[in-house]
Amino acid sequence: MLYDESTVKRVLRAARDGQDWQDVAVKNDVKLRTAYRWVNTAQANDTWGVTPCRPRGGRRNIKITDHHVDYLLCLLDEICYLTLDEMVDALEVRFNVKVSRQTVKHHIDDRMYTMKQTHRDNNYRNLPHNKVLRRDYVVDLLSYKAAGKKIFYVDETNFNL
């Protein structure tokens, strides 16, 4: 239950002035444990005029600002194959900010970017040697068909296709 600042100050004023703060707390519908915590905190820190309430909600620690995220998005526009590790290193080099890969991923996701694994075509598929091997395979396959042999295909599960 949240209490008014005036209620908290009434209880603290009574405790500071040596009055019965428990009676003030009961008359203001404040639980005794809560009032005790207020008084104990005020005595320990010698802060009688300030309410001992902590801020609620909101973001706690912000390591990556919008400026950092804009920099990362510019890097991604230039080099679309950047990994999260490379982006973390770029932030550390440029801004001296040490963050985790997951932090970078969350901030990039907030800007509607998704990080996918890249699937590049292999360069060795169309090498001259492989083209010769494919041609030999087709020539052999056609010669077997011309000879009247039955051809069947078996995949890795040994299932006849």
N, C-alpha and C. Protein backbone atom coordinates (compact mmCIF):
# COMPACT_ATOMS: atom_id res chain seq x y z
N MET A 1 0.84 -1.17 0.00
CA MET A 1 0.00 0.00 0.00
C MET A 1 0.89 1.24 0.00
N LEU A 2 0.58 2.19 -0.84
CA LEU A 2 1.34 3.42 -0.91
C LEU A 2 0.73 4.45 0.03
N TYR A 3 1.60 5.21 0.68
CA TYR A 3 1.15 6.22 1.64
C TYR A 3 1.49 7.60 1.12
N ASP A 4 0.70 8.58 1.54
CA ASP A 4 0.99 9.97 1.17
C ASP A 4 2.31 10.39 1.78
N GLU A 5 2.92 11.35 1.14
CA GLU A 5 4.18 11.88 1.68
C GLU A 5 3.92 12.60 3.00
N SER A 6 2.76 13.22 3.12
CA SER A 6 2.44 13.92 4.37
C SER A 6 2.29 12.94 5.53
N THR A 7 1.74 11.76 5.26
CA THR A 7 1.60 10.74 6.29
C THR A 7 2.96 10.26 6.77
N VAL A 8 3.86 10.03 5.81
CA VAL A 8 5.21 9.58 6.16
C VAL A 8 5.90 10.65 6.99
N LYS A 9 5.75 11.91 6.60
CA LYS A 9 6.41 12.99 7.34
C LYS A 9 5.83 13.15 8.74
N ARG A 10 4.52 12.91 8.92
CA ARG A 10 3.91 12.98 10.25
C ARG A 10 4.53 11.94 11.18
N VAL A 11 4.67 10.71 10.67
CA VAL A 11 5.25 9.64 11.50
C VAL A 11 6.71 9.96 11.82
N LEU A 12 7.46 10.43 10.84
CA LEU A 12 8.87 10.75 11.07
C LEU A 12 9.04 11.94 12.01
N ARG A 13 8.17 12.94 11.88
CA ARG A 13 8.24 14.12 12.77
C ARG A 13 7.99 13.69 14.21
N ALA A 14 7.01 12.80 14.42
CA ALA A 14 6.71 12.33 15.78
C ALA A 14 7.90 11.56 16.35
N ALA A 15 8.55 10.74 15.53
CA ALA A 15 9.70 9.97 16.01
C ALA A 15 10.88 10.90 16.29
N ARG A 16 11.09 11.91 15.45
CA ARG A 16 12.20 12.84 15.65
C ARG A 16 12.01 13.68 16.91
N ASP A 17 10.76 14.07 17.17
CA ASP A 17 10.49 14.91 18.34
C ASP A 17 10.34 14.11 19.63
N GLY A 18 10.49 12.80 19.56
CA GLY A 18 10.41 11.97 20.76
C GLY A 18 9.00 11.63 21.17
N GLN A 19 8.02 11.85 20.32
CA GLN A 19 6.64 11.51 20.62
C GLN A 19 6.38 10.04 20.29
N ASP A 20 5.17 9.60 20.54
CA ASP A 20 4.81 8.20 20.29
C ASP A 20 4.48 8.04 18.79
N TRP A 21 5.47 7.65 18.02
CA TRP A 21 5.28 7.52 16.56
C TRP A 21 4.40 6.35 16.21
N GLN A 22 4.35 5.34 17.12
CA GLN A 22 3.49 4.19 16.86
C GLN A 22 2.02 4.59 16.91
N ASP A 23 1.69 5.45 17.85
CA ASP A 23 0.31 5.93 17.97
C ASP A 23 -0.06 6.78 16.74
N VAL A 24 0.88 7.60 16.27
CA VAL A 24 0.63 8.42 15.08
C VAL A 24 0.43 7.50 13.87
N ALA A 25 1.22 6.44 13.78
CA ALA A 25 1.09 5.51 12.65
C ALA A 25 -0.26 4.81 12.68
N VAL A 26 -0.71 4.38 13.85
CA VAL A 26 -2.00 3.68 13.96
C VAL A 26 -3.14 4.63 13.59
N LYS A 27 -3.06 5.87 14.03
CA LYS A 27 -4.13 6.83 13.74
C LYS A 27 -4.16 7.22 12.26
N ASN A 28 -3.05 7.05 11.56
CA ASN A 28 -3.00 7.37 10.13
C ASN A 28 -3.12 6.11 9.25
N ASP A 29 -3.54 5.00 9.85
CA ASP A 29 -3.74 3.72 9.13
C ASP A 29 -2.47 3.24 8.44
N VAL A 30 -1.35 3.34 9.14
CA VAL A 30 -0.08 2.85 8.63
C VAL A 30 0.28 1.62 9.44
N LYS A 31 0.69 0.57 8.75
CA LYS A 31 1.09 -0.64 9.46
C LYS A 31 2.34 -0.35 10.28
N LEU A 32 2.40 -0.95 11.47
CA LEU A 32 3.50 -0.67 12.39
C LEU A 32 4.85 -1.11 11.82
N ARG A 33 4.85 -2.20 11.09
CA ARG A 33 6.11 -2.67 10.51
C ARG A 33 6.64 -1.66 9.47
N THR A 34 5.74 -1.09 8.70
CA THR A 34 6.14 -0.10 7.70
C THR A 34 6.66 1.16 8.39
N ALA A 35 5.93 1.62 9.40
CA ALA A 35 6.36 2.81 10.14
C ALA A 35 7.70 2.57 10.82
N TYR A 36 7.89 1.38 11.37
CA TYR A 36 9.16 1.04 12.02
C TYR A 36 10.30 1.12 11.01
N ARG A 37 10.06 0.62 9.79
CA ARG A 37 11.09 0.67 8.75
C ARG A 37 11.42 2.12 8.38
N TRP A 38 10.42 2.98 8.30
CA TRP A 38 10.64 4.40 8.00
C TRP A 38 11.50 5.05 9.09
N VAL A 39 11.14 4.82 10.33
CA VAL A 39 11.84 5.44 11.45
C VAL A 39 13.26 4.90 11.55
N ASN A 40 13.41 3.59 11.36
CA ASN A 40 14.73 2.98 11.45
C ASN A 40 15.65 3.51 10.35
N THR A 41 15.14 3.66 9.15
CA THR A 41 15.93 4.20 8.04
C THR A 41 16.30 5.65 8.30
N ALA A 42 15.37 6.43 8.82
CA ALA A 42 15.65 7.84 9.10
C ALA A 42 16.69 7.99 10.19
N GLN A 43 16.65 7.12 11.21
CA GLN A 43 17.65 7.18 12.28
C GLN A 43 19.03 6.78 11.77
N ALA A 44 19.08 5.75 10.92
CA ALA A 44 20.37 5.25 10.43
C ALA A 44 21.03 6.27 9.51
N ASN A 45 20.26 6.93 8.67
CA ASN A 45 20.82 7.85 7.67
C ASN A 45 20.75 9.31 8.11
N ASP A 46 20.10 9.58 9.24
CA ASP A 46 19.88 10.93 9.74
C ASP A 46 19.22 11.80 8.68
N THR A 47 18.17 11.25 8.08
CA THR A 47 17.39 11.96 7.05
C THR A 47 15.95 12.01 7.49
N TRP A 48 15.64 12.93 8.40
CA TRP A 48 14.30 13.00 8.96
C TRP A 48 13.33 13.72 8.04
N GLY A 49 13.81 14.64 7.22
CA GLY A 49 12.91 15.42 6.40
C GLY A 49 12.57 14.77 5.07
N VAL A 50 13.31 13.75 4.69
CA VAL A 50 13.13 13.11 3.38
C VAL A 50 12.39 11.80 3.57
N THR A 51 11.44 11.54 2.70
CA THR A 51 10.71 10.27 2.78
C THR A 51 11.63 9.15 2.31
N PRO A 52 11.66 8.04 3.02
CA PRO A 52 12.58 6.95 2.68
C PRO A 52 12.06 6.03 1.57
N CYS A 53 11.20 6.52 0.72
CA CYS A 53 10.64 5.69 -0.34
C CYS A 53 11.59 5.64 -1.53
N ARG A 54 11.76 4.48 -2.06
CA ARG A 54 12.59 4.32 -3.26
C ARG A 54 11.75 4.56 -4.50
N PRO A 55 12.37 5.02 -5.56
CA PRO A 55 11.60 5.20 -6.80
C PRO A 55 11.11 3.87 -7.33
N ARG A 56 9.93 3.89 -7.93
CA ARG A 56 9.33 2.67 -8.44
C ARG A 56 9.28 2.71 -9.96
N GLY A 57 9.50 1.56 -10.57
CA GLY A 57 9.36 1.43 -12.02
C GLY A 57 10.46 2.14 -12.78
N GLY A 58 10.30 2.12 -14.09
CA GLY A 58 11.26 2.78 -14.96
C GLY A 58 12.47 1.91 -15.25
N ARG A 59 13.34 2.42 -16.08
CA ARG A 59 14.55 1.68 -16.43
C ARG A 59 15.62 1.92 -15.37
N ARG A 60 16.34 0.91 -15.04
CA ARG A 60 17.35 1.01 -13.99
C ARG A 60 18.66 1.56 -14.54
N ASN A 61 19.44 0.70 -15.14
CA ASN A 61 20.74 1.09 -15.65
C ASN A 61 20.68 1.10 -17.17
N ILE A 62 21.14 2.16 -17.75
CA ILE A 62 21.14 2.27 -19.20
C ILE A 62 22.58 2.40 -19.65
N LYS A 63 23.09 1.34 -20.25
CA LYS A 63 24.45 1.38 -20.78
C LYS A 63 24.46 1.79 -22.23
N ILE A 64 23.47 1.33 -22.98
CA ILE A 64 23.41 1.63 -24.40
C ILE A 64 22.34 2.70 -24.62
N THR A 65 22.76 3.83 -25.14
CA THR A 65 21.82 4.91 -25.42
C THR A 65 21.36 4.81 -26.88
N ASP A 66 20.46 5.71 -27.26
CA ASP A 66 19.98 5.72 -28.65
C ASP A 66 21.12 6.02 -29.62
N HIS A 67 22.07 6.83 -29.16
CA HIS A 67 23.24 7.15 -30.00
C HIS A 67 24.04 5.89 -30.32
N HIS A 68 24.20 5.02 -29.34
CA HIS A 68 24.93 3.76 -29.56
C HIS A 68 24.19 2.85 -30.53
N VAL A 69 22.87 2.76 -30.37
CA VAL A 69 22.08 1.91 -31.25
C VAL A 69 22.10 2.44 -32.68
N ASP A 70 22.04 3.77 -32.83
CA ASP A 70 22.13 4.36 -34.17
C ASP A 70 23.47 4.01 -34.82
N TYR A 71 24.54 4.04 -34.04
CA TYR A 71 25.86 3.68 -34.56
C TYR A 71 25.86 2.22 -35.02
N LEU A 72 25.28 1.33 -34.23
CA LEU A 72 25.23 -0.09 -34.61
C LEU A 72 24.41 -0.30 -35.87
N LEU A 73 23.31 0.43 -36.01
CA LEU A 73 22.48 0.29 -37.21
C LEU A 73 23.21 0.81 -38.44
N CYS A 74 24.00 1.86 -38.28
CA CYS A 74 24.82 2.34 -39.41
C CYS A 74 25.85 1.29 -39.81
N LEU A 75 26.44 0.64 -38.80
CA LEU A 75 27.39 -0.44 -39.11
C LEU A 75 26.71 -1.58 -39.85
N LEU A 76 25.49 -1.91 -39.42
CA LEU A 76 24.76 -2.98 -40.08
C LEU A 76 24.38 -2.61 -41.51
N ASP A 77 24.10 -1.34 -41.75
CA ASP A 77 23.79 -0.90 -43.11
C ASP A 77 25.00 -1.03 -44.02
N GLU A 78 26.18 -0.77 -43.47
CA GLU A 78 27.41 -0.87 -44.25
C GLU A 78 27.81 -2.32 -44.48
N ILE A 79 27.81 -3.10 -43.39
CA ILE A 79 28.24 -4.50 -43.45
C ILE A 79 27.11 -5.34 -42.86
N CYS A 80 26.33 -5.96 -43.70
CA CYS A 80 25.15 -6.67 -43.20
C CYS A 80 25.49 -8.03 -42.58
N TYR A 81 26.73 -8.48 -42.69
CA TYR A 81 27.12 -9.78 -42.14
C TYR A 81 27.73 -9.67 -40.75
N LEU A 82 27.56 -8.54 -40.08
CA LEU A 82 28.13 -8.38 -38.74
C LEU A 82 27.47 -9.34 -37.76
N THR A 83 28.27 -9.90 -36.88
CA THR A 83 27.74 -10.76 -35.83
C THR A 83 27.57 -9.93 -34.56
N LEU A 84 26.89 -10.50 -33.60
CA LEU A 84 26.69 -9.80 -32.33
C LEU A 84 28.02 -9.56 -31.63
N ASP A 85 28.93 -10.52 -31.70
CA ASP A 85 30.25 -10.35 -31.08
C ASP A 85 30.99 -9.18 -31.71
N GLU A 86 30.91 -9.05 -33.01
CA GLU A 86 31.58 -7.94 -33.69
C GLU A 86 30.95 -6.60 -33.30
N MET A 87 29.64 -6.57 -33.10
CA MET A 87 28.99 -5.33 -32.68
C MET A 87 29.38 -4.96 -31.25
N VAL A 88 29.50 -5.97 -30.38
CA VAL A 88 29.94 -5.72 -29.01
C VAL A 88 31.35 -5.14 -29.02
N ASP A 89 32.22 -5.71 -29.85
CA ASP A 89 33.60 -5.20 -29.96
C ASP A 89 33.62 -3.78 -30.51
N ALA A 90 32.76 -3.50 -31.48
CA ALA A 90 32.71 -2.15 -32.07
C ALA A 90 32.29 -1.12 -31.02
N LEU A 91 31.32 -1.47 -30.18
CA LEU A 91 30.90 -0.55 -29.12
C LEU A 91 32.03 -0.31 -28.12
N GLU A 92 32.76 -1.37 -27.82
CA GLU A 92 33.84 -1.23 -26.85
C GLU A 92 34.97 -0.37 -27.40
N VAL A 93 35.28 -0.54 -28.68
CA VAL A 93 36.36 0.23 -29.29
C VAL A 93 35.96 1.70 -29.43
N ARG A 94 34.76 1.95 -29.92
CA ARG A 94 34.35 3.32 -30.24
C ARG A 94 33.94 4.11 -29.00
N PHE A 95 33.14 3.51 -28.12
CA PHE A 95 32.57 4.26 -26.99
C PHE A 95 33.08 3.80 -25.63
N ASN A 96 33.91 2.77 -25.59
CA ASN A 96 34.42 2.20 -24.35
C ASN A 96 33.26 1.74 -23.45
N VAL A 97 32.29 1.08 -24.06
CA VAL A 97 31.12 0.54 -23.36
C VAL A 97 31.18 -0.97 -23.44
N LYS A 98 31.20 -1.62 -22.29
CA LYS A 98 31.25 -3.08 -22.26
C LYS A 98 29.85 -3.62 -21.97
N VAL A 99 29.30 -4.32 -22.95
CA VAL A 99 27.97 -4.91 -22.81
C VAL A 99 28.02 -6.34 -23.30
N SER A 100 26.97 -7.08 -23.01
CA SER A 100 26.89 -8.47 -23.46
C SER A 100 26.24 -8.54 -24.83
N ARG A 101 26.37 -9.70 -25.46
CA ARG A 101 25.74 -9.91 -26.76
C ARG A 101 24.22 -9.79 -26.65
N GLN A 102 23.68 -10.30 -25.55
CA GLN A 102 22.23 -10.29 -25.37
C GLN A 102 21.70 -8.86 -25.24
N THR A 103 22.46 -7.99 -24.60
CA THR A 103 22.05 -6.59 -24.49
C THR A 103 21.98 -5.94 -25.86
N VAL A 104 22.99 -6.19 -26.67
CA VAL A 104 22.99 -5.64 -28.03
C VAL A 104 21.81 -6.20 -28.82
N LYS A 105 21.55 -7.49 -28.67
CA LYS A 105 20.44 -8.11 -29.40
C LYS A 105 19.10 -7.49 -29.00
N HIS A 106 18.90 -7.26 -27.70
CA HIS A 106 17.64 -6.65 -27.25
C HIS A 106 17.46 -5.25 -27.81
N HIS A 107 18.53 -4.47 -27.82
CA HIS A 107 18.41 -3.09 -28.32
C HIS A 107 18.21 -3.07 -29.83
N ILE A 108 18.83 -3.99 -30.54
CA ILE A 108 18.63 -4.07 -31.99
C ILE A 108 17.20 -4.54 -32.28
N ASP A 109 16.71 -5.50 -31.50
CA ASP A 109 15.33 -5.99 -31.68
C ASP A 109 14.31 -4.88 -31.41
N ASP A 110 14.62 -3.99 -30.47
CA ASP A 110 13.70 -2.89 -30.18
C ASP A 110 13.53 -1.96 -31.38
N ARG A 111 14.51 -1.94 -32.26
CA ARG A 111 14.43 -1.12 -33.47
C ARG A 111 13.90 -1.91 -34.67
N MET A 112 13.30 -3.07 -34.40
CA MET A 112 12.69 -3.93 -35.42
C MET A 112 13.70 -4.55 -36.38
N TYR A 113 14.91 -4.77 -35.92
CA TYR A 113 15.90 -5.52 -36.67
C TYR A 113 15.98 -6.91 -36.05
N THR A 114 16.06 -7.92 -36.86
CA THR A 114 16.25 -9.26 -36.33
C THR A 114 17.56 -9.81 -36.86
N MET A 115 18.27 -10.47 -35.99
CA MET A 115 19.56 -11.04 -36.36
C MET A 115 19.33 -12.49 -36.81
N LYS A 116 19.72 -12.77 -38.02
CA LYS A 116 19.58 -14.12 -38.57
C LYS A 116 20.96 -14.66 -38.88
N GLN A 117 21.05 -15.97 -38.91
CA GLN A 117 22.30 -16.57 -39.34
C GLN A 117 22.40 -16.47 -40.85
N THR A 118 23.59 -16.19 -41.31
CA THR A 118 23.76 -16.04 -42.75
C THR A 118 24.01 -17.41 -43.37
N HIS A 119 23.41 -17.62 -44.51
CA HIS A 119 23.60 -18.85 -45.26
C HIS A 119 24.15 -18.45 -46.63
N ARG A 120 25.44 -18.50 -46.74
CA ARG A 120 26.07 -18.11 -47.99
C ARG A 120 26.21 -19.32 -48.89
N ASP A 121 26.09 -19.11 -50.19
CA ASP A 121 26.32 -20.20 -51.12
C ASP A 121 27.80 -20.56 -51.12
N ASN A 122 28.05 -21.84 -51.21
CA ASN A 122 29.43 -22.27 -51.25
C ASN A 122 30.04 -21.96 -52.61
N ASN A 123 31.24 -21.49 -52.58
CA ASN A 123 31.91 -21.10 -53.82
C ASN A 123 32.44 -22.31 -54.61
N TYR A 124 32.55 -23.43 -53.95
CA TYR A 124 33.14 -24.60 -54.62
C TYR A 124 32.12 -25.38 -55.45
N ARG A 125 30.89 -25.01 -55.46
CA ARG A 125 29.87 -25.77 -56.19
C ARG A 125 30.11 -25.74 -57.70
N ASN A 126 30.52 -24.62 -58.22
CA ASN A 126 30.66 -24.50 -59.67
C ASN A 126 32.12 -24.42 -60.11
N LEU A 127 32.98 -25.06 -59.37
CA LEU A 127 34.37 -25.16 -59.81
C LEU A 127 34.44 -26.08 -61.04
N PRO A 128 35.39 -25.87 -61.91
CA PRO A 128 35.49 -26.71 -63.11
C PRO A 128 35.56 -28.21 -62.80
N HIS A 129 36.28 -28.57 -61.75
CA HIS A 129 36.40 -29.97 -61.37
C HIS A 129 35.03 -30.57 -61.04
N ASN A 130 34.22 -29.82 -60.26
CA ASN A 130 32.90 -30.32 -59.89
C ASN A 130 31.96 -30.38 -61.09
N LYS A 131 32.11 -29.48 -62.03
CA LYS A 131 31.30 -29.53 -63.24
C LYS A 131 31.60 -30.79 -64.04
N VAL A 132 32.87 -31.18 -64.09
CA VAL A 132 33.26 -32.40 -64.80
C VAL A 132 32.66 -33.61 -64.09
N LEU A 133 32.71 -33.62 -62.77
CA LEU A 133 32.14 -34.74 -62.01
C LEU A 133 30.63 -34.86 -62.24
N ARG A 134 29.92 -33.75 -62.26
CA ARG A 134 28.48 -33.79 -62.52
C ARG A 134 28.19 -34.28 -63.94
N ARG A 135 28.98 -33.83 -64.90
CA ARG A 135 28.79 -34.26 -66.30
C ARG A 135 29.02 -35.76 -66.41
N ASP A 136 30.07 -36.28 -65.76
CA ASP A 136 30.35 -37.72 -65.80
C ASP A 136 29.20 -38.51 -65.17
N TYR A 137 28.63 -37.99 -64.06
CA TYR A 137 27.51 -38.66 -63.41
C TYR A 137 26.32 -38.75 -64.36
N VAL A 138 26.00 -37.66 -65.04
CA VAL A 138 24.85 -37.65 -65.95
C VAL A 138 25.09 -38.58 -67.13
N VAL A 139 26.31 -38.59 -67.66
CA VAL A 139 26.64 -39.49 -68.79
C VAL A 139 26.48 -40.94 -68.36
N ASP A 140 26.99 -41.28 -67.17
CA ASP A 140 26.85 -42.66 -66.68
C ASP A 140 25.38 -43.01 -66.45
N LEU A 141 24.61 -42.08 -65.88
CA LEU A 141 23.20 -42.32 -65.62
C LEU A 141 22.44 -42.57 -66.92
N LEU A 142 22.71 -41.77 -67.92
CA LEU A 142 22.02 -41.94 -69.21
C LEU A 142 22.44 -43.23 -69.90
N SER A 143 23.69 -43.62 -69.75
CA SER A 143 24.13 -44.88 -70.37
C SER A 143 23.48 -46.09 -69.69
N TYR A 144 23.29 -46.02 -68.36
CA TYR A 144 22.61 -47.11 -67.66
C TYR A 144 21.14 -47.19 -68.09
N LYS A 145 20.50 -46.04 -68.26
CA LYS A 145 19.11 -46.04 -68.72
C LYS A 145 19.01 -46.60 -70.14
N ALA A 146 19.97 -46.24 -70.99
CA ALA A 146 19.95 -46.73 -72.38
C ALA A 146 20.17 -48.25 -72.42
N ALA A 147 20.91 -48.78 -71.44
CA ALA A 147 21.17 -50.22 -71.39
C ALA A 147 19.96 -50.97 -70.81
N GLY A 148 18.94 -50.23 -70.34
CA GLY A 148 17.74 -50.87 -69.82
C GLY A 148 17.84 -51.27 -68.37
N LYS A 149 18.80 -50.77 -67.67
CA LYS A 149 18.93 -51.08 -66.23
C LYS A 149 17.93 -50.27 -65.42
N LYS A 150 17.45 -50.88 -64.36
CA LYS A 150 16.50 -50.20 -63.48
C LYS A 150 17.29 -49.33 -62.51
N ILE A 151 16.87 -48.07 -62.39
CA ILE A 151 17.57 -47.12 -61.52
C ILE A 151 16.63 -46.77 -60.37
N PHE A 152 17.14 -46.87 -59.19
CA PHE A 152 16.37 -46.43 -58.02
C PHE A 152 17.29 -45.61 -57.13
N TYR A 153 16.66 -44.69 -56.42
CA TYR A 153 17.39 -43.75 -55.57
C TYR A 153 17.13 -44.11 -54.12
N VAL A 154 18.17 -44.11 -53.31
CA VAL A 154 18.06 -44.42 -51.89
C VAL A 154 18.62 -43.23 -51.13
N ASP A 155 17.81 -42.73 -50.19
CA ASP A 155 18.31 -41.60 -49.39
C ASP A 155 19.06 -42.13 -48.17
N GLU A 156 19.48 -41.24 -47.28
CA GLU A 156 20.31 -41.65 -46.15
C GLU A 156 19.57 -42.51 -45.14
N THR A 157 18.24 -42.58 -45.20
CA THR A 157 17.50 -43.45 -44.29
C THR A 157 17.25 -44.82 -44.94
N ASN A 158 17.83 -45.04 -46.11
CA ASN A 158 17.71 -46.29 -46.85
C ASN A 158 16.29 -46.50 -47.35
N PHE A 159 15.63 -45.42 -47.69
CA PHE A 159 14.27 -45.46 -48.19
C PHE A 159 14.29 -45.24 -49.70
N ASN A 160 13.64 -46.12 -50.43
CA ASN A 160 13.66 -46.05 -51.88
C ASN A 160 12.77 -44.90 -52.34
N LEU A 161 13.37 -43.96 -53.03
CA LEU A 161 12.60 -42.83 -53.55
C LEU A 161 12.13 -43.17 -54.93
